[in-house]
C-alpha atoms as a PDB file:
ATOM      1  CA  MET A   1     -19.537  20.650  42.944  1.00  0.00           C
ATOM      2  CA  ARG A   2     -19.376  24.401  43.519  1.00  0.00           C
ATOM      3  CA  TRP A   3     -23.065  24.370  44.380  1.00  0.00           C
ATOM      4  CA  GLY A   4     -22.385  21.633  46.925  1.00  0.00           C
ATOM      5  CA  ALA A   5     -19.503  23.595  48.426  1.00  0.00           C
ATOM      6  CA  PHE A   6     -21.747  26.537  49.205  1.00  0.00           C
ATOM      7  CA  ALA A   7     -25.022  24.711  49.955  1.00  0.00           C
ATOM      8  CA  ASP A   8     -24.004  24.083  53.563  1.00  0.00           C
ATOM      9  CA  SER A   9     -21.877  27.196  54.073  1.00  0.00           C
ATOM     10  CA  HIS A  10     -24.569  29.186  56.013  1.00  0.00           C
ATOM     11  CA  GLY A  11     -22.943  32.370  54.694  1.00  0.00           C
ATOM     12  CA  HIS A  12     -19.821  32.203  56.881  1.00  0.00           C
ATOM     13  CA  GLY A  13     -16.894  34.020  55.297  1.00  0.00           C
ATOM     14  CA  TRP A  14     -14.217  31.501  56.237  1.00  0.00           C
ATOM     15  CA  LYS A  15     -16.277  28.655  54.884  1.00  0.00           C
ATOM     16  CA  THR A  16     -16.768  30.515  51.640  1.00  0.00           C
ATOM     17  CA  ALA A  17     -13.029  31.068  51.292  1.00  0.00           C
ATOM     18  CA  ALA A  18     -12.312  27.450  52.222  1.00  0.00           C
ATOM     19  CA  GLY A  19     -14.880  26.259  49.705  1.00  0.00           C
ATOM     20  CA  LEU A  20     -13.357  28.333  46.915  1.00  0.00           C
ATOM     21  CA  ALA A  21      -9.878  27.104  47.773  1.00  0.00           C
ATOM     22  CA  GLY A  22     -11.103  23.520  47.876  1.00  0.00           C
ATOM     23  CA  VAL A  23     -12.817  23.829  44.509  1.00  0.00           C
ATOM     24  CA  ALA A  24      -9.694  25.353  42.929  1.00  0.00           C
ATOM     25  CA  LEU A  25      -7.422  22.686  44.413  1.00  0.00           C
ATOM     26  CA  ALA A  26      -9.795  19.884  43.416  1.00  0.00           C
ATOM     27  CA  ALA A  27      -9.961  21.217  39.844  1.00  0.00           C
ATOM     28  CA  LEU A  28      -6.153  21.404  39.711  1.00  0.00           C
ATOM     29  CA  LEU A  29      -5.745  17.844  41.017  1.00  0.00           C
ATOM     30  CA  ALA A  30      -8.457  16.543  38.681  1.00  0.00           C
ATOM     31  CA  GLY A  31      -6.607  18.036  35.721  1.00  0.00           C
ATOM     32  CA  GLU A  32      -3.358  16.481  36.935  1.00  0.00           C
ATOM     33  CA  PHE A  33      -5.121  13.118  37.328  1.00  0.00           C
ATOM     34  CA  LEU A  34      -6.418  13.272  33.753  1.00  0.00           C
ATOM     35  CA  ARG A  35      -3.002  14.307  32.406  1.00  0.00           C
ATOM     36  CA  THR A  36      -1.063  11.550  34.166  1.00  0.00           C
ATOM     37  CA  THR A  37      -3.583   8.880  33.189  1.00  0.00           C
ATOM     38  CA  LEU A  38      -3.296   9.948  29.546  1.00  0.00           C
ATOM     39  CA  GLN A  39       0.476   9.501  29.884  1.00  0.00           C
ATOM     40  CA  HIS A  40      -0.062   6.068  31.518  1.00  0.00           C
ATOM     41  CA  ARG A  41       1.845   7.115  34.643  1.00  0.00           C
ATOM     42  CA  LEU A  42       0.276   5.005  37.390  1.00  0.00           C
ATOM     43  CA  TRP A  43       1.908   6.301  40.559  1.00  0.00           C
ATOM     44  CA  PRO A  44       1.443  10.019  39.827  1.00  0.00           C
ATOM     45  CA  SER A  45      -2.173   9.211  38.932  1.00  0.00           C
ATOM     46  CA  LEU A  46      -2.702   7.411  42.243  1.00  0.00           C
ATOM     47  CA  ALA A  47      -1.094  10.326  44.090  1.00  0.00           C
ATOM     48  CA  SER A  48      -3.542  12.764  42.490  1.00  0.00           C
ATOM     49  CA  PHE A  49      -6.415  10.389  43.264  1.00  0.00           C
ATOM     50  CA  ALA A  50      -5.381  10.116  46.916  1.00  0.00           C
ATOM     51  CA  SER A  51      -5.155  13.903  47.159  1.00  0.00           C
ATOM     52  CA  LEU A  52      -8.691  14.213  45.796  1.00  0.00           C
ATOM     53  CA  GLN A  53      -9.860  11.722  48.416  1.00  0.00           C
ATOM     54  CA  GLY A  54      -8.200  13.836  51.081  1.00  0.00           C
ATOM     55  CA  ILE A  55     -10.011  16.937  49.823  1.00  0.00           C
ATOM     56  CA  ALA A  56     -13.318  15.028  49.946  1.00  0.00           C
ATOM     57  CA  VAL A  57     -12.665  13.968  53.560  1.00  0.00           C
ATOM     58  CA  ALA A  58     -11.737  17.542  54.501  1.00  0.00           C
ATOM     59  CA  ALA A  59     -14.831  18.898  52.752  1.00  0.00           C
ATOM     60  CA  HIS A  60     -17.083  16.482  54.639  1.00  0.00           C
ATOM     61  CA  ALA A  61     -15.428  17.326  57.938  1.00  0.00           C
ATOM     62  CA  SER A  62     -15.881  21.057  57.220  1.00  0.00           C
ATOM     63  CA  GLY A  63     -19.576  20.653  56.569  1.00  0.00           C
ATOM     64  CA  PHE A  64     -19.513  20.547  52.785  1.00  0.00           C
ATOM     65  CA  SER A  65     -21.239  17.157  52.635  1.00  0.00           C
ATOM     66  CA  VAL A  66     -22.721  17.505  49.169  1.00  0.00           C
ATOM     67  CA  ALA A  67     -19.368  18.521  47.695  1.00  0.00           C
ATOM     68  CA  ALA A  68     -17.693  15.558  49.390  1.00  0.00           C
ATOM     69  CA  LEU A  69     -20.295  13.129  48.045  1.00  0.00           C
ATOM     70  CA  VAL A  70     -19.957  14.534  44.523  1.00  0.00           C
ATOM     71  CA  LEU A  71     -16.166  14.286  44.721  1.00  0.00           C
ATOM     72  CA  TRP A  72     -16.229  10.689  45.990  1.00  0.00           C
ATOM     73  CA  CYS A  73     -18.651   9.571  43.300  1.00  0.00           C
ATOM     74  CA  GLY A  74     -16.702  11.387  40.600  1.00  0.00           C
ATOM     75  CA  CYS A  75     -13.442   9.827  41.781  1.00  0.00           C
ATOM     76  CA  ALA A  76     -14.963   6.343  41.710  1.00  0.00           C
ATOM     77  CA  VAL A  77     -16.251   6.792  38.159  1.00  0.00           C
ATOM     78  CA  ALA A  78     -12.989   8.373  36.949  1.00  0.00           C
ATOM     79  CA  ALA A  79     -10.909   5.596  38.520  1.00  0.00           C
ATOM     80  CA  LEU A  80     -12.915   2.887  36.767  1.00  0.00           C
ATOM     81  CA  GLU A  81     -12.671   4.738  33.465  1.00  0.00           C
ATOM     82  CA  ARG A  82      -9.032   5.803  33.387  1.00  0.00           C
ATOM     83  CA  LEU A  83      -6.919   3.558  35.642  1.00  0.00           C
ATOM     84  CA  PRO A  84      -5.680   0.027  34.874  1.00  0.00           C
ATOM     85  CA  PRO A  85      -8.163  -2.667  36.030  1.00  0.00           C
ATOM     86  CA  ALA A  86      -6.432  -3.737  39.264  1.00  0.00           C
ATOM     87  CA  ALA A  87      -5.719  -0.192  40.433  1.00  0.00           C
ATOM     88  CA  ALA A  88      -9.138   0.995  39.215  1.00  0.00           C
ATOM     89  CA  PHE A  89     -11.123  -1.481  41.341  1.00  0.00           C
ATOM     90  CA  ILE A  90      -9.063  -0.723  44.449  1.00  0.00           C
ATOM     91  CA  ALA A  91      -9.310   3.050  44.016  1.00  0.00           C
ATOM     92  CA  ALA A  92     -13.023   2.918  43.201  1.00  0.00           C
ATOM     93  CA  GLY A  93     -13.590   0.664  46.212  1.00  0.00           C
ATOM     94  CA  VAL A  94     -11.903   3.188  48.491  1.00  0.00           C
ATOM     95  CA  ALA A  95     -13.995   6.046  47.087  1.00  0.00           C
ATOM     96  CA  LEU A  96     -17.264   4.097  47.309  1.00  0.00           C
ATOM     97  CA  ASP A  97     -16.464   2.936  50.833  1.00  0.00           C
ATOM     98  CA  SER A  98     -15.953   6.544  51.889  1.00  0.00           C
ATOM     99  CA  TYR A  99     -19.184   7.473  50.134  1.00  0.00           C
ATOM    100  CA  GLY A 100     -21.131   4.680  51.834  1.00  0.00           C
ATOM    101  CA  SER A 101     -19.811   5.571  55.268  1.00  0.00           C
ATOM    102  CA  VAL A 102     -21.207   9.095  55.228  1.00  0.00           C
ATOM    103  CA  ILE A 103     -24.535   8.919  53.403  1.00  0.00           C
ATOM    104  CA  ASP A 104     -27.615   8.721  55.578  1.00  0.00           C
ATOM    105  CA  ALA A 105     -29.330   5.734  53.962  1.00  0.00           C
ATOM    106  CA  ASP A 106     -30.079   2.121  54.692  1.00  0.00           C
ATOM    107  CA  LEU A 107     -27.769  -0.672  53.566  1.00  0.00           C
ATOM    108  CA  LEU A 108     -29.804  -1.577  50.481  1.00  0.00           C
ATOM    109  CA  THR A 109     -29.836   2.020  49.215  1.00  0.00           C
ATOM    110  CA  THR A 110     -26.101   2.300  49.787  1.00  0.00           C
ATOM    111  CA  ILE A 111     -25.454  -0.910  47.860  1.00  0.00           C
ATOM    112  CA  VAL A 112     -27.713   0.165  44.997  1.00  0.00           C
ATOM    113  CA  ASN A 113     -26.004   3.558  44.776  1.00  0.00           C
ATOM    114  CA  GLY A 114     -22.573   1.970  44.885  1.00  0.00           C
ATOM    115  CA  VAL A 115     -23.463  -0.549  42.188  1.00  0.00           C
ATOM    116  CA  GLY A 116     -24.933   2.210  40.026  1.00  0.00           C
ATOM    117  CA  ILE A 117     -21.810   4.321  40.346  1.00  0.00           C
ATOM    118  CA  GLY A 118     -19.639   1.295  39.620  1.00  0.00           C
ATOM    119  CA  LEU A 119     -21.655   0.429  36.518  1.00  0.00           C
ATOM    120  CA  ALA A 120     -21.416   4.008  35.304  1.00  0.00           C
ATOM    121  CA  GLY A 121     -17.649   3.928  35.672  1.00  0.00           C
ATOM    122  CA  TYR A 122     -17.387   0.525  34.024  1.00  0.00           C
ATOM    123  CA  THR A 123     -19.541   1.709  31.112  1.00  0.00           C
ATOM    124  CA  LEU A 124     -17.307   4.716  30.611  1.00  0.00           C
ATOM    125  CA  CYS A 125     -14.292   2.409  30.776  1.00  0.00           C
ATOM    126  CA  LEU A 126     -15.731   0.193  28.041  1.00  0.00           C
ATOM    127  CA  ASP A 127     -16.511   3.261  25.961  1.00  0.00           C
ATOM    128  CA  ALA A 128     -12.935   4.516  26.339  1.00  0.00           C
ATOM    129  CA  GLU A 129     -11.573   1.111  25.321  1.00  0.00           C
ATOM    130  CA  ALA A 130     -13.888   1.033  22.308  1.00  0.00           C
ATOM    131  CA  ARG A 131     -12.741   4.489  21.232  1.00  0.00           C
ATOM    132  CA  GLY A 132      -9.126   3.467  21.716  1.00  0.00           C
ATOM    133  CA  SER A 133      -9.654   0.327  19.656  1.00  0.00           C
ATOM    134  CA  ALA A 134     -11.360   2.343  16.929  1.00  0.00           C
ATOM    135  CA  GLN A 135      -8.438   4.767  16.825  1.00  0.00           C
ATOM    136  CA  ARG A 136      -5.942   1.907  16.641  1.00  0.00           C
ATOM    137  CA  LEU A 137      -7.914   0.245  13.855  1.00  0.00           C
ATOM    138  CA  LEU A 138      -8.074   3.550  12.000  1.00  0.00           C
ATOM    139  CA  ALA A 139      -4.315   3.979  12.351  1.00  0.00           C
ATOM    140  CA  GLN A 140      -3.747   0.411  11.125  1.00  0.00           C
ATOM    141  CA  GLU A 141      -6.057   0.987   8.176  1.00  0.00           C
ATOM    142  CA  ARG A 142      -4.212   4.168   7.260  1.00  0.00           C
ATOM    143  CA  ALA A 143      -0.893   2.341   7.502  1.00  0.00           C
ATOM    144  CA  ALA A 144      -2.259  -0.493   5.358  1.00  0.00           C
ATOM    145  CA  ARG A 145      -3.517   1.977   2.753  1.00  0.00           C
ATOM    146  CA  ALA A 146      -0.147   3.734   2.726  1.00  0.00           C
ATOM    147  CA  ALA A 147       1.632   0.398   2.281  1.00  0.00           C
ATOM    148  CA  GLU A 148      -0.798  -0.577  -0.470  1.00  0.00           C
ATOM    149  CA  ALA A 149      -0.226   2.726  -2.242  1.00  0.00           C
ATOM    150  CA  GLU A 150       3.539   2.267  -1.963  1.00  0.00           C
ATOM    151  CA  THR A 151       3.276  -1.274  -3.328  1.00  0.00           C
ATOM    152  CA  ALA A 152       1.150  -0.050  -6.225  1.00  0.00           C
ATOM    153  CA  ALA A 153       3.686   2.703  -6.934  1.00  0.00           C
ATOM    154  CA  LEU A 154       6.545   0.193  -6.943  1.00  0.00           C
ATOM    155  CA  ALA A 155       4.598  -2.116  -9.245  1.00  0.00           C
ATOM    156  CA  GLU A 156       3.898   0.781 -11.600  1.00  0.00           C
ATOM    157  CA  ARG A 157       7.578   1.722 -11.603  1.00  0.00           C
ATOM    158  CA  ALA A 158       8.516  -1.856 -12.449  1.00  0.00           C
ATOM    159  CA  ARG A 159       5.952  -1.868 -15.239  1.00  0.00           C
ATOM    160  CA  ILE A 160       7.294   1.390 -16.672  1.00  0.00           C
ATOM    161  CA  ALA A 161      10.852   0.042 -16.419  1.00  0.00           C
ATOM    162  CA  ARG A 162       9.821  -3.032 -18.421  1.00  0.00           C
ATOM    163  CA  GLU A 163       8.164  -0.851 -21.042  1.00  0.00           C
ATOM    164  CA  ILE A 164      11.229   1.362 -21.373  1.00  0.00           C
ATOM    165  CA  HIS A 165      13.532  -1.624 -21.676  1.00  0.00           C
ATOM    166  CA  ASP A 166      11.380  -3.374 -24.236  1.00  0.00           C
ATOM    167  CA  VAL A 167      11.071  -0.315 -26.457  1.00  0.00           C
ATOM    168  CA  LEU A 168      14.721   0.682 -26.244  1.00  0.00           C
ATOM    169  CA  ALA A 169      16.027  -2.861 -26.627  1.00  0.00           C
ATOM    170  CA  HIS A 170      13.953  -3.405 -29.748  1.00  0.00           C
ATOM    171  CA  CYS A 171      14.664  -0.183 -31.625  1.00  0.00           C
ATOM    172  CA  LEU A 172      18.260   0.371 -30.503  1.00  0.00           C
ATOM    173  CA  SER A 173      19.293  -3.210 -31.188  1.00  0.00           C
ATOM    174  CA  ALA A 174      17.828  -3.010 -34.683  1.00  0.00           C
ATOM    175  CA  GLN A 175      19.649   0.258 -35.327  1.00  0.00           C
ATOM    176  CA  LEU A 176      22.870  -1.251 -34.023  1.00  0.00           C
ATOM    177  CA  VAL A 177      22.566  -4.148 -36.464  1.00  0.00           C
ATOM    178  CA  HIS A 178      22.367  -1.803 -39.441  1.00  0.00           C
ATOM    179  CA  LEU A 179      25.040   0.580 -38.179  1.00  0.00           C
ATOM    180  CA  GLU A 180      27.404  -2.294 -37.433  1.00  0.00           C
ATOM    181  CA  ALA A 181      26.827  -3.630 -40.925  1.00  0.00           C
ATOM    182  CA  ALA A 182      27.566  -0.176 -42.336  1.00  0.00           C
ATOM    183  CA  ARG A 183      30.788  -0.022 -40.326  1.00  0.00           C
ATOM    184  CA  LEU A 184      31.934  -3.397 -41.610  1.00  0.00           C
ATOM    185  CA  LEU A 185      31.161  -2.365 -45.177  1.00  0.00           C
ATOM    186  CA  ILE A 186      33.183   0.816 -44.742  1.00  0.00           C
ATOM    187  CA  GLU A 187      36.142  -1.080 -43.282  1.00  0.00           C
ATOM    188  CA  ARG A 188      36.048  -3.649 -46.079  1.00  0.00           C
ATOM    189  CA  GLY A 189      35.631  -1.060 -48.797  1.00  0.00           C
ATOM    190  CA  GLY A 190      32.056  -1.957 -49.627  1.00  0.00           C
ATOM    191  CA  GLU A 191      29.948  -0.334 -52.276  1.00  0.00           C
ATOM    192  CA  ARG A 192      28.633   3.129 -51.538  1.00  0.00           C
ATOM    193  CA  ASP A 193      25.074   2.043 -52.317  1.00  0.00           C
ATOM    194  CA  GLN A 194      25.290  -0.805 -49.797  1.00  0.00           C
ATOM    195  CA  ILE A 195      26.569   1.527 -47.084  1.00  0.00           C
ATOM    196  CA  HIS A 196      23.859   4.044 -47.910  1.00  0.00           C
ATOM    197  CA  GLU A 197      21.234   1.313 -47.726  1.00  0.00           C
ATOM    198  CA  ARG A 198      22.347   0.338 -44.217  1.00  0.00           C
ATOM    199  CA  VAL A 199      22.384   3.933 -42.995  1.00  0.00           C
ATOM    200  CA  VAL A 200      18.916   4.523 -44.415  1.00  0.00           C
ATOM    201  CA  ALA A 201      17.710   1.344 -42.712  1.00  0.00           C
ATOM    202  CA  ALA A 202      19.132   2.564 -39.397  1.00  0.00           C
ATOM    203  CA  ARG A 203      17.328   5.871 -39.893  1.00  0.00           C
ATOM    204  CA  GLU A 204      14.080   4.021 -40.558  1.00  0.00           C
ATOM    205  CA  MET A 205      14.572   1.992 -37.395  1.00  0.00           C
ATOM    206  CA  ALA A 206      15.082   5.235 -35.444  1.00  0.00           C
ATOM    207  CA  ARG A 207      11.831   6.524 -36.906  1.00  0.00           C
ATOM    208  CA  ASP A 208      10.118   3.267 -35.996  1.00  0.00           C
ATOM    209  CA  GLY A 209      11.599   3.558 -32.508  1.00  0.00           C
ATOM    210  CA  LEU A 210       9.936   6.926 -32.045  1.00  0.00           C
ATOM    211  CA  ALA A 211       6.636   5.444 -33.165  1.00  0.00           C
ATOM    212  CA  GLU A 212       7.077   2.532 -30.753  1.00  0.00           C
ATOM    213  CA  THR A 213       7.881   4.951 -27.946  1.00  0.00           C
ATOM    214  CA  ARG A 214       4.612   6.737 -28.614  1.00  0.00           C
ATOM    215  CA  GLN A 215       2.916   3.339 -28.680  1.00  0.00           C
ATOM    216  CA  ALA A 216       4.444   2.489 -25.296  1.00  0.00           C
ATOM    217  CA  LEU A 217       3.244   5.784 -23.848  1.00  0.00           C
ATOM    218  CA  SER A 218      -0.223   5.072 -25.206  1.00  0.00           C
ATOM    219  CA  ALA A 219      -0.080   1.643 -23.589  1.00  0.00           C
ATOM    220  CA  LEU A 220       0.822   3.193 -20.251  1.00  0.00           C
ATOM    221  CA  ARG A 221      -2.226   5.427 -20.613  1.00  0.00           C
ATOM    222  CA  GLY A 222      -4.373   2.427 -21.539  1.00  0.00           C
ATOM    223  CA  GLU A 223      -4.775   3.549 -25.170  1.00  0.00           C
ATOM    224  CA  LEU A 224      -3.825   0.309 -26.928  1.00  0.00           C
ATOM    225  CA  THR A 225      -4.306  -0.330 -30.631  1.00  0.00           C
ATOM    226  CA  PRO A 226      -5.764  -3.725 -31.610  1.00  0.00           C
ATOM    227  CA  LEU A 227      -3.281  -6.529 -30.987  1.00  0.00           C
ATOM    228  CA  GLU A 228      -3.674  -8.057 -34.456  1.00  0.00           C
ATOM    229  CA  ASP A 229      -2.900  -4.728 -36.141  1.00  0.00           C
ATOM    230  CA  PHE A 230       0.196  -4.257 -34.016  1.00  0.00           C
ATOM    231  CA  LEU A 231       1.551  -7.741 -34.766  1.00  0.00           C
ATOM    232  CA  SER A 232       0.818  -7.406 -38.480  1.00  0.00           C
ATOM    233  CA  GLY A 233       2.663  -4.088 -38.570  1.00  0.00           C
ATOM    234  CA  LEU A 234       5.557  -5.586 -36.631  1.00  0.00           C
ATOM    235  CA  VAL A 235       5.846  -8.524 -39.014  1.00  0.00           C
ATOM    236  CA  GLY A 236       5.675  -6.130 -41.965  1.00  0.00           C
ATOM    237  CA  THR A 237       8.842  -4.360 -40.799  1.00  0.00           C
ATOM    238  CA  VAL A 238      10.828  -7.609 -40.727  1.00  0.00           C
ATOM    239  CA  GLY A 239      10.259  -8.776 -44.286  1.00  0.00           C
ATOM    240  CA  CYS A 240      10.985 -12.459 -43.753  1.00  0.00           C
ATOM    241  CA  ALA A 241       8.277 -13.100 -41.168  1.00  0.00           C
ATOM    242  CA  GLU A 242       4.679 -14.237 -41.327  1.00  0.00           C
ATOM    243  CA  ILE A 243       1.869 -14.378 -38.805  1.00  0.00           C
ATOM    244  CA  THR A 244      -1.071 -16.731 -38.307  1.00  0.00           C
ATOM    245  CA  ILE A 245      -3.997 -15.939 -36.016  1.00  0.00           C
ATOM    246  CA  THR A 246      -6.333 -18.708 -34.835  1.00  0.00           C
ATOM    247  CA  GLY A 247      -9.229 -18.930 -32.412  1.00  0.00           C
ATOM    248  CA  GLU A 248     -12.036 -16.495 -31.697  1.00  0.00           C
ATOM    249  CA  ARG A 249     -10.598 -13.003 -31.756  1.00  0.00           C
ATOM    250  CA  ARG A 250     -11.563 -10.792 -28.827  1.00  0.00           C
ATOM    251  CA  ALA A 251     -10.311  -7.842 -26.851  1.00  0.00           C
ATOM    252  CA  LEU A 252      -7.734  -8.804 -24.231  1.00  0.00           C
ATOM    253  CA  PRO A 253      -6.983  -7.137 -20.902  1.00  0.00           C
ATOM    254  CA  ALA A 254      -4.438  -4.351 -21.320  1.00  0.00           C
ATOM    255  CA  GLU A 255      -1.670  -6.147 -19.412  1.00  0.00           C
ATOM    256  CA  ALA A 256      -2.172  -9.413 -21.302  1.00  0.00           C
ATOM    257  CA  ALA A 257      -2.165  -7.660 -24.683  1.00  0.00           C
ATOM    258  CA  GLN A 258       0.952  -5.714 -23.738  1.00  0.00           C
ATOM    259  CA  ALA A 259       2.740  -8.911 -22.690  1.00  0.00           C
ATOM    260  CA  VAL A 260       2.042 -10.423 -26.124  1.00  0.00           C
ATOM    261  CA  ARG A 261       3.233  -7.263 -27.874  1.00  0.00           C
ATOM    262  CA  ARG A 262       6.487  -7.089 -25.971  1.00  0.00           C
ATOM    263  CA  ALA A 263       7.186 -10.802 -26.328  1.00  0.00           C
ATOM    264  CA  ALA A 264       6.778 -10.586 -30.108  1.00  0.00           C
ATOM    265  CA  GLN A 265       8.905  -7.450 -30.245  1.00  0.00           C
ATOM    266  CA  GLU A 266      11.697  -8.867 -28.103  1.00  0.00           C
ATOM    267  CA  THR A 267      11.740 -12.176 -29.959  1.00  0.00           C
ATOM    268  CA  LEU A 268      12.107 -10.503 -33.357  1.00  0.00           C
ATOM    269  CA  THR A 269      14.885  -8.337 -31.937  1.00  0.00           C
ATOM    270  CA  ASN A 270      16.697 -11.460 -30.765  1.00  0.00           C
ATOM    271  CA  VAL A 271      16.304 -13.046 -34.196  1.00  0.00           C
ATOM    272  CA  ARG A 272      17.919  -9.991 -35.795  1.00  0.00           C
ATOM    273  CA  LYS A 273      20.806 -10.217 -33.351  1.00  0.00           C
ATOM    274  CA  HIS A 274      21.422 -13.963 -33.257  1.00  0.00           C
ATOM    275  CA  ALA A 275      20.107 -15.275 -36.586  1.00  0.00           C
ATOM    276  CA  PRO A 276      19.911 -12.420 -39.105  1.00  0.00           C
ATOM    277  CA  GLY A 277      18.085 -13.380 -42.255  1.00  0.00           C
ATOM    278  CA  ALA A 278      16.220 -16.291 -40.658  1.00  0.00           C
ATOM    279  CA  LYS A 279      12.568 -16.809 -41.492  1.00  0.00           C
ATOM    280  CA  VAL A 280      10.207 -16.223 -38.588  1.00  0.00           C
ATOM    281  CA  ARG A 281       6.723 -17.654 -38.050  1.00  0.00           C
ATOM    282  CA  LEU A 282       4.419 -16.125 -35.452  1.00  0.00           C
ATOM    283  CA  ARG A 283       1.251 -17.880 -34.353  1.00  0.00           C
ATOM    284  CA  LEU A 284      -1.295 -16.137 -32.129  1.00  0.00           C
ATOM    285  CA  ASP A 285      -3.872 -18.551 -30.731  1.00  0.00           C
ATOM    286  CA  TYR A 286      -6.971 -17.338 -28.867  1.00  0.00           C
ATOM    287  CA  ARG A 287      -8.044 -20.076 -26.457  1.00  0.00           C
ATOM    288  CA  PRO A 288     -11.011 -20.093 -24.061  1.00  0.00           C
ATOM    289  CA  ARG A 289      -8.947 -19.328 -20.952  1.00  0.00           C
ATOM    290  CA  GLU A 290      -5.651 -18.075 -22.340  1.00  0.00           C
ATOM    291  CA  VAL A 291      -3.905 -16.567 -25.317  1.00  0.00           C
ATOM    292  CA  THR A 292      -0.761 -18.177 -26.716  1.00  0.00           C
ATOM    293  CA  LEU A 293       1.989 -16.651 -28.836  1.00  0.00           C
ATOM    294  CA  ASP A 294       4.376 -19.056 -30.538  1.00  0.00           C
ATOM    295  CA  VAL A 295       7.409 -17.626 -32.360  1.00  0.00           C
ATOM    296  CA  ARG A 296       9.768 -19.887 -34.346  1.00  0.00           C
ATOM    297  CA  ASP A 297      12.717 -19.004 -36.516  1.00  0.00           C
ATOM    298  CA  SER A 298      14.458 -21.144 -39.128  1.00  0.00           C
ATOM    299  CA  GLY A 299      17.892 -20.630 -37.604  1.00  0.00           C
ATOM    300  CA  GLY A 300      20.922 -19.205 -39.309  1.00  0.00           C
ATOM    301  CA  SER A 301      24.487 -18.087 -38.897  1.00  0.00           C
ATOM    302  CA  PRO A 302      25.254 -16.035 -35.780  1.00  0.00           C
ATOM    303  CA  GLY A 303      25.235 -12.320 -36.429  1.00  0.00           C
ATOM    304  CA  ASP A 304      27.856  -9.771 -35.545  1.00  0.00           C
ATOM    305  CA  LEU A 305      25.785  -8.779 -32.476  1.00  0.00           C
ATOM    306  CA  THR A 306      25.361 -12.274 -31.069  1.00  0.00           C
ATOM    307  CA  GLY A 307      27.572 -11.520 -28.091  1.00  0.00           C
ATOM    308  CA  THR A 308      25.869  -8.254 -27.188  1.00  0.00           C
ATOM    309  CA  GLY A 309      23.189  -7.847 -24.525  1.00  0.00           C
ATOM    310  CA  ALA A 310      22.797  -9.493 -21.135  1.00  0.00           C
ATOM    311  CA  ALA A 311      19.715 -11.708 -21.627  1.00  0.00           C
ATOM    312  CA  TYR A 312      17.592  -9.168 -19.735  1.00  0.00           C
ATOM    313  CA  GLY A 313      15.015  -9.173 -22.518  1.00  0.00           C
ATOM    314  CA  LEU A 314      14.193 -12.853 -22.089  1.00  0.00           C
ATOM    315  CA  LEU A 315      14.183 -12.449 -18.315  1.00  0.00           C
ATOM    316  CA  GLY A 316      11.862  -9.448 -18.585  1.00  0.00           C
ATOM    317  CA  MET A 317       9.432 -11.377 -20.814  1.00  0.00           C
ATOM    318  CA  ARG A 318       9.349 -14.265 -18.346  1.00  0.00           C
ATOM    319  CA  GLU A 319       8.810 -11.938 -15.374  1.00  0.00           C
ATOM    320  CA  ARG A 320       6.002 -10.158 -17.197  1.00  0.00           C
ATOM    321  CA  ALA A 321       4.282 -13.466 -17.971  1.00  0.00           C
ATOM    322  CA  GLU A 322       4.647 -14.774 -14.407  1.00  0.00           C
ATOM    323  CA  LEU A 323       3.242 -11.555 -12.969  1.00  0.00           C
ATOM    324  CA  LEU A 324       0.098 -12.233 -14.991  1.00  0.00           C
ATOM    325  CA  GLY A 325      -0.067 -15.881 -13.921  1.00  0.00           C
ATOM    326  CA  GLY A 326       1.258 -17.142 -17.242  1.00  0.00           C
ATOM    327  CA  SER A 327       4.494 -18.689 -18.454  1.00  0.00           C
ATOM    328  CA  LEU A 328       7.186 -18.286 -21.066  1.00  0.00           C
ATOM    329  CA  GLU A 329       9.276 -21.094 -22.508  1.00  0.00           C
ATOM    330  CA  ALA A 330      12.299 -20.480 -24.710  1.00  0.00           C
ATOM    331  CA  GLY A 331      14.745 -22.934 -26.218  1.00  0.00           C
ATOM    332  CA  PRO A 332      16.033 -24.579 -29.388  1.00  0.00           C
ATOM    333  CA  GLY A 333      13.501 -26.157 -31.738  1.00  0.00           C
ATOM    334  CA  GLU A 334      13.750 -28.456 -34.744  1.00  0.00           C
ATOM    335  CA  GLU A 335      15.279 -25.752 -36.934  1.00  0.00           C
ATOM    336  CA  GLY A 336      16.024 -22.670 -34.899  1.00  0.00           C
ATOM    337  CA  PHE A 337      14.833 -21.082 -31.680  1.00  0.00           C
ATOM    338  CA  VAL A 338      11.301 -21.310 -30.249  1.00  0.00           C
ATOM    339  CA  VAL A 339       9.608 -18.933 -27.816  1.00  0.00           C
ATOM    340  CA  THR A 340       6.150 -19.780 -26.449  1.00  0.00           C
ATOM    341  CA  LEU A 341       4.188 -17.332 -24.317  1.00  0.00           C
ATOM    342  CA  LYS A 342       0.992 -18.286 -22.460  1.00  0.00           C
ATOM    343  CA  VAL A 343      -1.073 -15.633 -20.706  1.00  0.00           C
ATOM    344  CA  PRO A 344      -4.394 -16.331 -18.921  1.00  0.00           C
ATOM    345  CA  VAL A 345      -7.303 -14.085 -19.868  1.00  0.00           C
END
C-alpha cells in the first residue's frame, strides 16, 4: 500500500506528506477494525470500515489510484472474513462497487476481479470459522477430560472409603466383641484366665487388623494375594467356619476379587456380632461368566453387640456389587442368615 501511495506522487512534497499521513491513518483504522471485530462490536467495526472507505476515496481523488485500489480490495476481503454475514456482504459490496467504478477495464474483467476478491474473502471467512470451531472443540475436549478426571478421582475416593470402612468395621468390631466380653466378665467377677483370654483375643484381632490394613493398601496398589488363600486364612481365624471352592479356578479382575474379599469379611463380622458361636459355611463358585460367594450361618442367640452398627456394611457390599454390574442378596435362610454375592467376570 505504501508503494501505491508513492507510485503516482511524481515527487511532490505535499503529496508525499499526504501519502504518509494516509498510510498512518489507514493503518490505525485497520487496527481498530480488527480489534472491534475480535470483540464482536458491530457498529464500531462498521465505523472503522466506513472511515477506511473514505480514505480510499480521498486517495483516489488525490491521485493515489493504486493505494485506493489496494485499500478497497483489502476492505472487501476483510469484511467478508471478519464481519457477520449480512453486514459482510453489504460492506464488501460497497468496497467492490467503488473498486469497479474506478478501474480502467471492461465489464467482464471487472466482474472476474470482483468475483475473485469475493471468493478470497469468503475462503478466509471459512478458514476463520474452521479455526474457531477447532478452538471450541479443543476447549470442549479439555473440559470433558477435566470432568472425566474429576469423576475418576471421585470414584477412587469412594473406593478408598469403602476399603477403609470394610477394614475398620471388620477388625474393630471383632475387637469390640472380645473387649465387651472381657468387661462383662470383670463386672460379673469372672475367672482371671477367662478375662485374660478375651484380652489376648482382642490383641490378636488388633494384630490381624494391622495385617488387613496392609492387605487393603496392597489391594489399592493392585498387589492382591490369591483369593483362595485369603478366604482360607479368613476362615482359619474364625474357628467354626469352613469353605468350599467349586468350578475352574482362575485369576479374577482386581475389583471383582476385592468385592468377594470384602463381602466374606463383612459377613463374618456380622456373624460375630449377631450370632456369636454360629457355624459358618462359605462356598465360592467359579462360573463361566460370574463368580458367586454364598455365606450361610447356623443361627444362634443374639450377641451383646447386636444393636451396634448402622447397617452400612451391608449397604457398602451391595453398592460395591452393583458398581461392578453384580448383585448381593441378604436375608434369613433355613437355619440362620444367608448372604449371596454375584459378580460378573
